[in-house]
Amino acid sequence: MSVQSRLSALKERHASLEMRIAEEDQRPRPDSETLGRLKREKLRVKEEMERLRNQEEGSTD
């Protein structure tokens, strides 16, 4: 899998997590454990995207 295709997949995953977080947050009684888990995963995905971008920038120098 190329870096660009991996980044694209991660962007989709990040957007999906963002939607799930918003949906959970709109519930009358949001589950704080679920919200925490989703937010941690979203952060992990974002960090991986940044790592790949930095790696990609380093390889183009």
PDB file of N, CA and C in Angstrom:
ATOM      1  N   MET A   1       0.856  -1.179   0.000  1.00  0.00           N
ATOM      2  CA  MET A   1       0.000   0.000   0.000  1.00  0.00           C
ATOM      3  C   MET A   1       0.896   1.233   0.000  1.00  0.00           C
ATOM      4  N   SER A   2       0.644   2.147  -0.928  1.00  0.00           N
ATOM      5  CA  SER A   2       1.445   3.364  -1.002  1.00  0.00           C
ATOM      6  C   SER A   2       1.102   4.295   0.162  1.00  0.00           C
ATOM      7  N   VAL A   3       1.999   5.235   0.381  1.00  0.00           N
ATOM      8  CA  VAL A   3       1.788   6.201   1.469  1.00  0.00           C
ATOM      9  C   VAL A   3       0.510   6.996   1.215  1.00  0.00           C
ATOM     10  N   GLN A   4       0.298   7.410  -0.041  1.00  0.00           N
ATOM     11  CA  GLN A   4      -0.894   8.198  -0.364  1.00  0.00           C
ATOM     12  C   GLN A   4      -2.177   7.409  -0.128  1.00  0.00           C
ATOM     13  N   SER A   5      -2.191   6.136  -0.505  1.00  0.00           N
ATOM     14  CA  SER A   5      -3.403   5.346  -0.292  1.00  0.00           C
ATOM     15  C   SER A   5      -3.626   5.084   1.197  1.00  0.00           C
ATOM     16  N   ARG A   6      -2.538   4.917   1.939  1.00  0.00           N
ATOM     17  CA  ARG A   6      -2.658   4.739   3.396  1.00  0.00           C
ATOM     18  C   ARG A   6      -3.202   6.019   4.033  1.00  0.00           C
ATOM     19  N   LEU A   7      -2.681   7.158   3.597  1.00  0.00           N
ATOM     20  CA  LEU A   7      -3.176   8.437   4.118  1.00  0.00           C
ATOM     21  C   LEU A   7      -4.654   8.618   3.804  1.00  0.00           C
ATOM     22  N   SER A   8      -5.049   8.251   2.608  1.00  0.00           N
ATOM     23  CA  SER A   8      -6.447   8.366   2.211  1.00  0.00           C
ATOM     24  C   SER A   8      -7.341   7.498   3.095  1.00  0.00           C
ATOM     25  N   ALA A   9      -6.899   6.278   3.355  1.00  0.00           N
ATOM     26  CA  ALA A   9      -7.665   5.375   4.216  1.00  0.00           C
ATOM     27  C   ALA A   9      -7.754   5.928   5.639  1.00  0.00           C
ATOM     28  N   LEU A  10      -6.658   6.500   6.118  1.00  0.00           N
ATOM     29  CA  LEU A  10      -6.654   7.071   7.468  1.00  0.00           C
ATOM     30  C   LEU A  10      -7.568   8.292   7.544  1.00  0.00           C
ATOM     31  N   LYS A  11      -7.599   9.110   6.497  1.00  0.00           N
ATOM     32  CA  LYS A  11      -8.495  10.275   6.476  1.00  0.00           C
ATOM     33  C   LYS A  11      -9.948   9.831   6.556  1.00  0.00           C
ATOM     34  N   GLU A  12     -10.280   8.774   5.818  1.00  0.00           N
ATOM     35  CA  GLU A  12     -11.645   8.248   5.859  1.00  0.00           C
ATOM     36  C   GLU A  12     -11.976   7.726   7.257  1.00  0.00           C
ATOM     37  N   ARG A  13     -11.038   7.020   7.858  1.00  0.00           N
ATOM     38  CA  ARG A  13     -11.247   6.489   9.212  1.00  0.00           C
ATOM     39  C   ARG A  13     -11.422   7.637  10.209  1.00  0.00           C
ATOM     40  N   HIS A  14     -10.608   8.675  10.072  1.00  0.00           N
ATOM     41  CA  HIS A  14     -10.680   9.840  10.959  1.00  0.00           C
ATOM     42  C   HIS A  14     -12.047  10.506  10.841  1.00  0.00           C
ATOM     43  N   ALA A  15     -12.524  10.682   9.611  1.00  0.00           N
ATOM     44  CA  ALA A  15     -13.840  11.302   9.390  1.00  0.00           C
ATOM     45  C   ALA A  15     -14.956  10.439   9.963  1.00  0.00           C
ATOM     46  N   SER A  16     -14.829   9.133   9.798  1.00  0.00           N
ATOM     47  CA  SER A  16     -15.827   8.211  10.331  1.00  0.00           C
ATOM     48  C   SER A  16     -15.872   8.285  11.860  1.00  0.00           C
ATOM     49  N   LEU A  17     -14.710   8.333  12.476  1.00  0.00           N
ATOM     50  CA  LEU A  17     -14.654   8.443  13.943  1.00  0.00           C
ATOM     51  C   LEU A  17     -15.249   9.763  14.405  1.00  0.00           C
ATOM     52  N   GLU A  18     -14.974  10.827  13.665  1.00  0.00           N
ATOM     53  CA  GLU A  18     -15.522  12.138  14.011  1.00  0.00           C
ATOM     54  C   GLU A  18     -17.050  12.101  13.983  1.00  0.00           C
ATOM     55  N   MET A  19     -17.614  11.455  12.964  1.00  0.00           N
ATOM     56  CA  MET A  19     -19.071  11.324  12.879  1.00  0.00           C
ATOM     57  C   MET A  19     -19.623  10.503  14.038  1.00  0.00           C
ATOM     58  N   ARG A  20     -18.949   9.398  14.357  1.00  0.00           N
ATOM     59  CA  ARG A  20     -19.424   8.550  15.456  1.00  0.00           C
ATOM     60  C   ARG A  20     -19.357   9.282  16.789  1.00  0.00           C
ATOM     61  N   ILE A  21     -18.319  10.100  16.972  1.00  0.00           N
ATOM     62  CA  ILE A  21     -18.196  10.892  18.203  1.00  0.00           C
ATOM     63  C   ILE A  21     -19.350  11.891  18.280  1.00  0.00           C
ATOM     64  N   ALA A  22     -19.626  12.567  17.187  1.00  0.00           N
ATOM     65  CA  ALA A  22     -20.720  13.549  17.159  1.00  0.00           C
ATOM     66  C   ALA A  22     -22.059  12.873  17.437  1.00  0.00           C
ATOM     67  N   GLU A  23     -22.277  11.707  16.824  1.00  0.00           N
ATOM     68  CA  GLU A  23     -23.530  10.981  17.051  1.00  0.00           C
ATOM     69  C   GLU A  23     -23.676  10.572  18.513  1.00  0.00           C
ATOM     70  N   GLU A  24     -22.608  10.055  19.091  1.00  0.00           N
ATOM     71  CA  GLU A  24     -22.661   9.634  20.498  1.00  0.00           C
ATOM     72  C   GLU A  24     -22.898  10.838  21.400  1.00  0.00           C
ATOM     73  N   ASP A  25     -22.257  11.946  21.071  1.00  0.00           N
ATOM     74  CA  ASP A  25     -22.379  13.158  21.887  1.00  0.00           C
ATOM     75  C   ASP A  25     -23.782  13.742  21.834  1.00  0.00           C
ATOM     76  N   GLN A  26     -24.529  13.488  20.757  1.00  0.00           N
ATOM     77  CA  GLN A  26     -25.887  14.010  20.606  1.00  0.00           C
ATOM     78  C   GLN A  26     -26.931  13.164  21.335  1.00  0.00           C
ATOM     79  N   ARG A  27     -26.539  11.989  21.761  1.00  0.00           N
ATOM     80  CA  ARG A  27     -27.498  11.136  22.476  1.00  0.00           C
ATOM     81  C   ARG A  27     -27.908  11.806  23.788  1.00  0.00           C
ATOM     82  N   PRO A  28     -29.101  11.505  24.275  1.00  0.00           N
ATOM     83  CA  PRO A  28     -29.547  12.110  25.544  1.00  0.00           C
ATOM     84  C   PRO A  28     -28.587  11.813  26.709  1.00  0.00           C
ATOM     85  N   ARG A  29     -28.035  10.614  26.722  1.00  0.00           N
ATOM     86  CA  ARG A  29     -27.086  10.252  27.779  1.00  0.00           C
ATOM     87  C   ARG A  29     -25.866   9.604  27.126  1.00  0.00           C
ATOM     88  N   PRO A  30     -24.935  10.433  26.617  1.00  0.00           N
ATOM     89  CA  PRO A  30     -23.759   9.888  25.942  1.00  0.00           C
ATOM     90  C   PRO A  30     -22.954   8.978  26.877  1.00  0.00           C
ATOM     91  N   ASP A  31     -22.431   7.923  26.323  1.00  0.00           N
ATOM     92  CA  ASP A  31     -21.601   6.982  27.079  1.00  0.00           C
ATOM     93  C   ASP A  31     -20.175   7.528  27.105  1.00  0.00           C
ATOM     94  N   SER A  32     -19.737   7.977  28.267  1.00  0.00           N
ATOM     95  CA  SER A  32     -18.418   8.610  28.368  1.00  0.00           C
ATOM     96  C   SER A  32     -17.298   7.624  28.049  1.00  0.00           C
ATOM     97  N   GLU A  33     -17.490   6.360  28.363  1.00  0.00           N
ATOM     98  CA  GLU A  33     -16.472   5.353  28.050  1.00  0.00           C
ATOM     99  C   GLU A  33     -16.327   5.189  26.534  1.00  0.00           C
ATOM    100  N   THR A  34     -17.455   5.125  25.838  1.00  0.00           N
ATOM    101  CA  THR A  34     -17.433   5.013  24.375  1.00  0.00           C
ATOM    102  C   THR A  34     -16.823   6.264  23.758  1.00  0.00           C
ATOM    103  N   LEU A  35     -17.224   7.433  24.252  1.00  0.00           N
ATOM    104  CA  LEU A  35     -16.656   8.681  23.732  1.00  0.00           C
ATOM    105  C   LEU A  35     -15.140   8.720  23.923  1.00  0.00           C
ATOM    106  N   GLY A  36     -14.684   8.321  25.078  1.00  0.00           N
ATOM    107  CA  GLY A  36     -13.248   8.306  25.358  1.00  0.00           C
ATOM    108  C   GLY A  36     -12.504   7.370  24.425  1.00  0.00           C
ATOM    109  N   ARG A  37     -13.064   6.191  24.203  1.00  0.00           N
ATOM    110  CA  ARG A  37     -12.436   5.205  23.324  1.00  0.00           C
ATOM    111  C   ARG A  37     -12.361   5.741  21.892  1.00  0.00           C
ATOM    112  N   LEU A  38     -13.471   6.316  21.418  1.00  0.00           N
ATOM    113  CA  LEU A  38     -13.508   6.862  20.057  1.00  0.00           C
ATOM    114  C   LEU A  38     -12.522   8.030  19.903  1.00  0.00           C
ATOM    115  N   LYS A  39     -12.454   8.892  20.898  1.00  0.00           N
ATOM    116  CA  LYS A  39     -11.545  10.033  20.827  1.00  0.00           C
ATOM    117  C   LYS A  39     -10.086   9.584  20.853  1.00  0.00           C
ATOM    118  N   ARG A  40      -9.778   8.569  21.653  1.00  0.00           N
ATOM    119  CA  ARG A  40      -8.404   8.051  21.674  1.00  0.00           C
ATOM    120  C   ARG A  40      -8.030   7.447  20.328  1.00  0.00           C
ATOM    121  N   GLU A  41      -8.964   6.715  19.726  1.00  0.00           N
ATOM    122  CA  GLU A  41      -8.683   6.132  18.421  1.00  0.00           C
ATOM    123  C   GLU A  41      -8.520   7.215  17.364  1.00  0.00           C
ATOM    124  N   LYS A  42      -9.353   8.239  17.420  1.00  0.00           N
ATOM    125  CA  LYS A  42      -9.249   9.344  16.467  1.00  0.00           C
ATOM    126  C   LYS A  42      -7.882  10.018  16.597  1.00  0.00           C
ATOM    127  N   LEU A  43      -7.419  10.207  17.809  1.00  0.00           N
ATOM    128  CA  LEU A  43      -6.110  10.805  18.037  1.00  0.00           C
ATOM    129  C   LEU A  43      -4.999   9.897  17.500  1.00  0.00           C
ATOM    130  N   ARG A  44      -5.121   8.593  17.711  1.00  0.00           N
ATOM    131  CA  ARG A  44      -4.129   7.651  17.209  1.00  0.00           C
ATOM    132  C   ARG A  44      -4.051   7.718  15.683  1.00  0.00           C
ATOM    133  N   VAL A  45      -5.215   7.789  15.041  1.00  0.00           N
ATOM    134  CA  VAL A  45      -5.269   7.884  13.582  1.00  0.00           C
ATOM    135  C   VAL A  45      -4.615   9.191  13.123  1.00  0.00           C
ATOM    136  N   LYS A  46      -4.930  10.292  13.800  1.00  0.00           N
ATOM    137  CA  LYS A  46      -4.356  11.589  13.439  1.00  0.00           C
ATOM    138  C   LYS A  46      -2.838  11.564  13.589  1.00  0.00           C
ATOM    139  N   GLU A  47      -2.349  10.963  14.668  1.00  0.00           N
ATOM    140  CA  GLU A  47      -0.906  10.877  14.879  1.00  0.00           C
ATOM    141  C   GLU A  47      -0.242  10.036  13.786  1.00  0.00           C
ATOM    142  N   GLU A  48      -0.880   8.966  13.368  1.00  0.00           N
ATOM    143  CA  GLU A  48      -0.317   8.149  12.296  1.00  0.00           C
ATOM    144  C   GLU A  48      -0.300   8.915  10.976  1.00  0.00           C
ATOM    145  N   MET A  49      -1.347   9.698  10.727  1.00  0.00           N
ATOM    146  CA  MET A  49      -1.378  10.519   9.512  1.00  0.00           C
ATOM    147  C   MET A  49      -0.209  11.508   9.526  1.00  0.00           C
ATOM    148  N   GLU A  50       0.030  12.151  10.648  1.00  0.00           N
ATOM    149  CA  GLU A  50       1.133  13.103  10.767  1.00  0.00           C
ATOM    150  C   GLU A  50       2.475  12.399  10.568  1.00  0.00           C
ATOM    151  N   ARG A  51       2.615  11.230  11.146  1.00  0.00           N
ATOM    152  CA  ARG A  51       3.858  10.477  11.014  1.00  0.00           C
ATOM    153  C   ARG A  51       4.119  10.148   9.547  1.00  0.00           C
ATOM    154  N   LEU A  52       3.089   9.706   8.839  1.00  0.00           N
ATOM    155  CA  LEU A  52       3.238   9.376   7.424  1.00  0.00           C
ATOM    156  C   LEU A  52       3.558  10.617   6.594  1.00  0.00           C
ATOM    157  N   ARG A  53       2.904  11.726   6.911  1.00  0.00           N
ATOM    158  CA  ARG A  53       3.194  12.975   6.177  1.00  0.00           C
ATOM    159  C   ARG A  53       4.642  13.392   6.384  1.00  0.00           C
ATOM    160  N   ASN A  54       5.108  13.316   7.634  1.00  0.00           N
ATOM    161  CA  ASN A  54       6.488  13.681   7.932  1.00  0.00           C
ATOM    162  C   ASN A  54       7.458  12.728   7.235  1.00  0.00           C
ATOM    163  N   GLN A  55       7.140  11.461   7.216  1.00  0.00           N
ATOM    164  CA  GLN A  55       7.971  10.456   6.559  1.00  0.00           C
ATOM    165  C   GLN A  55       8.028  10.748   5.065  1.00  0.00           C
ATOM    166  N   GLU A  56       6.887  11.092   4.502  1.00  0.00           N
ATOM    167  CA  GLU A  56       6.805  11.388   3.082  1.00  0.00           C
ATOM    168  C   GLU A  56       7.618  12.639   2.750  1.00  0.00           C
ATOM    169  N   GLU A  57       7.529  13.664   3.586  1.00  0.00           N
ATOM    170  CA  GLU A  57       8.309  14.886   3.370  1.00  0.00           C
ATOM    171  C   GLU A  57       9.799  14.606   3.443  1.00  0.00           C
ATOM    172  N   GLY A  58      10.186  13.755   4.370  1.00  0.00           N
ATOM    173  CA  GLY A  58      11.593  13.392   4.516  1.00  0.00           C
ATOM    174  C   GLY A  58      12.140  12.637   3.331  1.00  0.00           C
ATOM    175  N   SER A  59      11.291  11.864   2.676  1.00  0.00           N
ATOM    176  CA  SER A  59      11.755  11.068   1.536  1.00  0.00           C
ATOM    177  C   SER A  59      11.830  11.887   0.254  1.00  0.00           C
ATOM    178  N   THR A  60      11.214  13.076   0.235  1.00  0.00           N
ATOM    179  CA  THR A  60      11.252  13.904  -0.968  1.00  0.00           C
ATOM    180  C   THR A  60      12.416  14.895  -0.938  1.00  0.00           C
ATOM    181  N   ASP A  61      13.114  14.987   0.187  1.00  0.00           N
ATOM    182  CA  ASP A  61      14.244  15.925   0.281  1.00  0.00           C
ATOM    183  C   ASP A  61      15.448  15.439  -0.492  1.00  0.00           C
TER     184      ASP A  61
END
